[in-house]
Amino acid sequence: MTGPPTDVIVRVPDGEILFTGTMATGETYRYNETPLSVVAASGASLEVTIHGEQQQAAQAVRTEWSVPERS
């Protein structure tokens, strides 16, 4: 988390939820499961890295990232 706290859900395709809650500024999570999806109520608050490539939403709106299987 690099911005203000925001609600986040991390889940795998079968629907299992790996994390759901409000992430605080400075909080970090790492997942090795793939594929998975990450949804943030305010995408600009989160810094997401997918297979070594940094992803960041430019706006504070609901944002979803899809993490594909690593090839």
N, C-alpha and C. Protein backbone atom coordinates (compact mmCIF):
# COMPACT_ATOMS: atom_id res chain seq x y z
N MET A 1 0.84 -1.18 0.00
CA MET A 1 0.00 0.00 0.00
C MET A 1 0.88 1.24 0.00
N THR A 2 0.63 2.09 -0.96
CA THR A 2 1.39 3.33 -1.03
C THR A 2 0.52 4.55 -0.79
N GLY A 3 -0.78 4.35 -0.76
CA GLY A 3 -1.71 5.46 -0.57
C GLY A 3 -2.59 5.25 0.64
N PRO A 4 -3.71 5.97 0.70
CA PRO A 4 -4.62 5.84 1.82
C PRO A 4 -5.20 4.42 1.89
N PRO A 5 -5.64 3.99 3.07
CA PRO A 5 -6.22 2.65 3.21
C PRO A 5 -7.35 2.43 2.21
N THR A 6 -7.47 1.18 1.73
CA THR A 6 -8.53 0.83 0.80
C THR A 6 -8.91 -0.64 0.98
N ASP A 7 -10.13 -0.97 0.60
CA ASP A 7 -10.60 -2.35 0.66
C ASP A 7 -10.02 -3.13 -0.51
N VAL A 8 -9.56 -4.36 -0.21
CA VAL A 8 -8.91 -5.20 -1.21
C VAL A 8 -9.44 -6.62 -1.09
N ILE A 9 -9.62 -7.28 -2.24
CA ILE A 9 -9.96 -8.70 -2.28
C ILE A 9 -8.98 -9.39 -3.22
N VAL A 10 -8.39 -10.49 -2.76
CA VAL A 10 -7.51 -11.31 -3.59
C VAL A 10 -8.12 -12.69 -3.63
N ARG A 11 -8.35 -13.21 -4.85
CA ARG A 11 -8.97 -14.54 -4.96
C ARG A 11 -8.42 -15.32 -6.15
N VAL A 12 -8.56 -16.62 -6.07
CA VAL A 12 -8.17 -17.51 -7.15
C VAL A 12 -9.43 -17.84 -7.96
N PRO A 13 -9.28 -18.36 -9.19
CA PRO A 13 -10.43 -18.58 -10.08
C PRO A 13 -11.55 -19.46 -9.52
N ASP A 14 -11.23 -20.40 -8.65
CA ASP A 14 -12.30 -21.26 -8.12
C ASP A 14 -13.15 -20.54 -7.08
N GLY A 15 -12.84 -19.27 -6.81
CA GLY A 15 -13.61 -18.46 -5.89
C GLY A 15 -13.03 -18.37 -4.49
N GLU A 16 -12.00 -19.18 -4.18
CA GLU A 16 -11.38 -19.12 -2.86
C GLU A 16 -10.78 -17.74 -2.65
N ILE A 17 -11.12 -17.14 -1.52
CA ILE A 17 -10.60 -15.81 -1.19
C ILE A 17 -9.36 -15.96 -0.34
N LEU A 18 -8.25 -15.39 -0.83
CA LEU A 18 -6.99 -15.45 -0.12
C LEU A 18 -6.85 -14.29 0.86
N PHE A 19 -7.47 -13.15 0.54
CA PHE A 19 -7.46 -11.99 1.42
C PHE A 19 -8.69 -11.15 1.13
N THR A 20 -9.32 -10.67 2.16
CA THR A 20 -10.37 -9.66 2.03
C THR A 20 -10.29 -8.76 3.26
N GLY A 21 -10.23 -7.48 3.03
CA GLY A 21 -10.14 -6.55 4.14
C GLY A 21 -9.62 -5.21 3.70
N THR A 22 -9.38 -4.36 4.67
CA THR A 22 -8.85 -3.04 4.40
C THR A 22 -7.34 -3.07 4.63
N MET A 23 -6.61 -2.72 3.59
CA MET A 23 -5.15 -2.64 3.71
C MET A 23 -4.76 -1.24 4.15
N ALA A 24 -3.82 -1.16 5.08
CA ALA A 24 -3.33 0.11 5.58
C ALA A 24 -2.08 0.53 4.82
N THR A 25 -1.80 1.81 4.83
CA THR A 25 -0.60 2.34 4.19
C THR A 25 0.62 1.62 4.73
N GLY A 26 1.49 1.16 3.84
CA GLY A 26 2.71 0.45 4.21
C GLY A 26 2.55 -1.05 4.31
N GLU A 27 1.33 -1.56 4.30
CA GLU A 27 1.08 -3.00 4.39
C GLU A 27 1.45 -3.67 3.07
N THR A 28 2.02 -4.89 3.16
CA THR A 28 2.46 -5.62 1.97
C THR A 28 2.01 -7.07 2.06
N TYR A 29 1.57 -7.62 0.93
CA TYR A 29 1.23 -9.04 0.83
C TYR A 29 1.89 -9.59 -0.42
N ARG A 30 2.27 -10.86 -0.36
CA ARG A 30 2.87 -11.52 -1.52
C ARG A 30 2.17 -12.87 -1.69
N TYR A 31 1.80 -13.19 -2.92
CA TYR A 31 1.13 -14.45 -3.24
C TYR A 31 1.89 -15.16 -4.34
N ASN A 32 2.05 -16.45 -4.20
CA ASN A 32 2.70 -17.26 -5.23
C ASN A 32 1.69 -18.03 -6.07
N GLU A 33 0.42 -18.04 -5.65
CA GLU A 33 -0.61 -18.72 -6.40
C GLU A 33 -0.90 -17.97 -7.70
N THR A 34 -1.08 -18.71 -8.76
CA THR A 34 -1.53 -18.13 -10.03
C THR A 34 -2.41 -19.14 -10.71
N PRO A 35 -3.37 -18.71 -11.48
CA PRO A 35 -3.79 -17.33 -11.66
C PRO A 35 -4.56 -16.84 -10.44
N LEU A 36 -4.68 -15.52 -10.33
CA LEU A 36 -5.50 -14.91 -9.29
C LEU A 36 -5.91 -13.52 -9.72
N SER A 37 -6.87 -12.95 -8.98
CA SER A 37 -7.29 -11.58 -9.28
C SER A 37 -7.18 -10.75 -8.01
N VAL A 38 -6.87 -9.48 -8.22
CA VAL A 38 -6.75 -8.52 -7.14
C VAL A 38 -7.71 -7.38 -7.46
N VAL A 39 -8.61 -7.06 -6.53
CA VAL A 39 -9.56 -5.98 -6.72
C VAL A 39 -9.37 -4.99 -5.58
N ALA A 40 -9.23 -3.72 -5.92
CA ALA A 40 -9.07 -2.67 -4.92
C ALA A 40 -10.16 -1.62 -5.12
N ALA A 41 -10.75 -1.17 -4.03
CA ALA A 41 -11.77 -0.13 -4.11
C ALA A 41 -11.16 1.16 -4.67
N SER A 42 -9.90 1.43 -4.33
CA SER A 42 -9.19 2.61 -4.83
C SER A 42 -7.86 2.14 -5.41
N GLY A 43 -7.84 1.87 -6.69
CA GLY A 43 -6.65 1.33 -7.33
C GLY A 43 -5.40 2.17 -7.19
N ALA A 44 -5.55 3.48 -7.10
CA ALA A 44 -4.39 4.35 -6.99
C ALA A 44 -3.68 4.20 -5.64
N SER A 45 -4.35 3.59 -4.66
CA SER A 45 -3.73 3.39 -3.34
C SER A 45 -2.76 2.22 -3.32
N LEU A 46 -2.90 1.33 -4.29
CA LEU A 46 -2.12 0.09 -4.31
C LEU A 46 -1.02 0.13 -5.34
N GLU A 47 0.09 -0.50 -5.01
CA GLU A 47 1.15 -0.74 -5.98
C GLU A 47 1.20 -2.26 -6.14
N VAL A 48 0.91 -2.73 -7.34
CA VAL A 48 0.84 -4.16 -7.61
C VAL A 48 1.98 -4.54 -8.54
N THR A 49 2.67 -5.63 -8.21
CA THR A 49 3.72 -6.14 -9.08
C THR A 49 3.31 -7.52 -9.55
N ILE A 50 3.25 -7.71 -10.86
CA ILE A 50 2.84 -8.98 -11.45
C ILE A 50 4.02 -9.54 -12.23
N HIS A 51 4.54 -10.67 -11.77
CA HIS A 51 5.68 -11.33 -12.40
C HIS A 51 6.83 -10.34 -12.66
N GLY A 52 7.12 -9.52 -11.65
CA GLY A 52 8.24 -8.60 -11.72
C GLY A 52 7.96 -7.27 -12.38
N GLU A 53 6.75 -7.09 -12.92
CA GLU A 53 6.40 -5.83 -13.58
C GLU A 53 5.43 -5.04 -12.73
N GLN A 54 5.81 -3.82 -12.39
CA GLN A 54 4.98 -2.98 -11.53
C GLN A 54 3.75 -2.48 -12.29
N GLN A 55 2.60 -2.58 -11.64
CA GLN A 55 1.33 -2.11 -12.19
C GLN A 55 0.80 -1.06 -11.21
N GLN A 56 0.27 0.03 -11.70
CA GLN A 56 -0.33 0.99 -10.80
C GLN A 56 -1.45 1.71 -11.52
N ALA A 57 -2.59 1.78 -10.86
CA ALA A 57 -3.73 2.51 -11.42
C ALA A 57 -3.50 4.00 -11.24
N ALA A 58 -3.91 4.77 -12.20
CA ALA A 58 -3.71 6.22 -12.13
C ALA A 58 -4.82 6.93 -11.37
N GLN A 59 -5.96 6.24 -11.19
CA GLN A 59 -7.11 6.90 -10.57
C GLN A 59 -7.56 6.15 -9.32
N ALA A 60 -8.21 6.88 -8.44
CA ALA A 60 -8.72 6.31 -7.19
C ALA A 60 -10.12 5.75 -7.41
N VAL A 61 -10.22 4.80 -8.33
CA VAL A 61 -11.49 4.13 -8.62
C VAL A 61 -11.29 2.62 -8.48
N ARG A 62 -12.38 1.87 -8.45
CA ARG A 62 -12.30 0.41 -8.36
C ARG A 62 -11.44 -0.11 -9.50
N THR A 63 -10.45 -0.91 -9.15
CA THR A 63 -9.51 -1.42 -10.15
C THR A 63 -9.30 -2.90 -9.92
N GLU A 64 -9.20 -3.66 -11.02
CA GLU A 64 -8.95 -5.10 -10.92
C GLU A 64 -7.73 -5.44 -11.76
N TRP A 65 -6.88 -6.27 -11.18
CA TRP A 65 -5.72 -6.80 -11.90
C TRP A 65 -5.88 -8.31 -11.99
N SER A 66 -5.57 -8.89 -13.14
CA SER A 66 -5.57 -10.34 -13.33
C SER A 66 -4.12 -10.79 -13.39
N VAL A 67 -3.81 -11.79 -12.59
CA VAL A 67 -2.45 -12.33 -12.57
C VAL A 67 -2.49 -13.69 -13.27
N PRO A 68 -1.92 -13.77 -14.48
CA PRO A 68 -1.94 -15.03 -15.21
C PRO A 68 -0.94 -16.03 -14.62
N GLU A 69 -1.10 -17.28 -15.01
CA GLU A 69 -0.12 -18.29 -14.62
C GLU A 69 1.21 -17.90 -15.19
N ARG A 70 2.24 -18.21 -14.44
CA ARG A 70 3.59 -17.92 -14.91
C ARG A 70 3.98 -18.97 -15.93
N SER A 71 4.49 -18.53 -17.07
CA SER A 71 4.86 -19.50 -18.12
C SER A 71 6.30 -19.91 -18.02
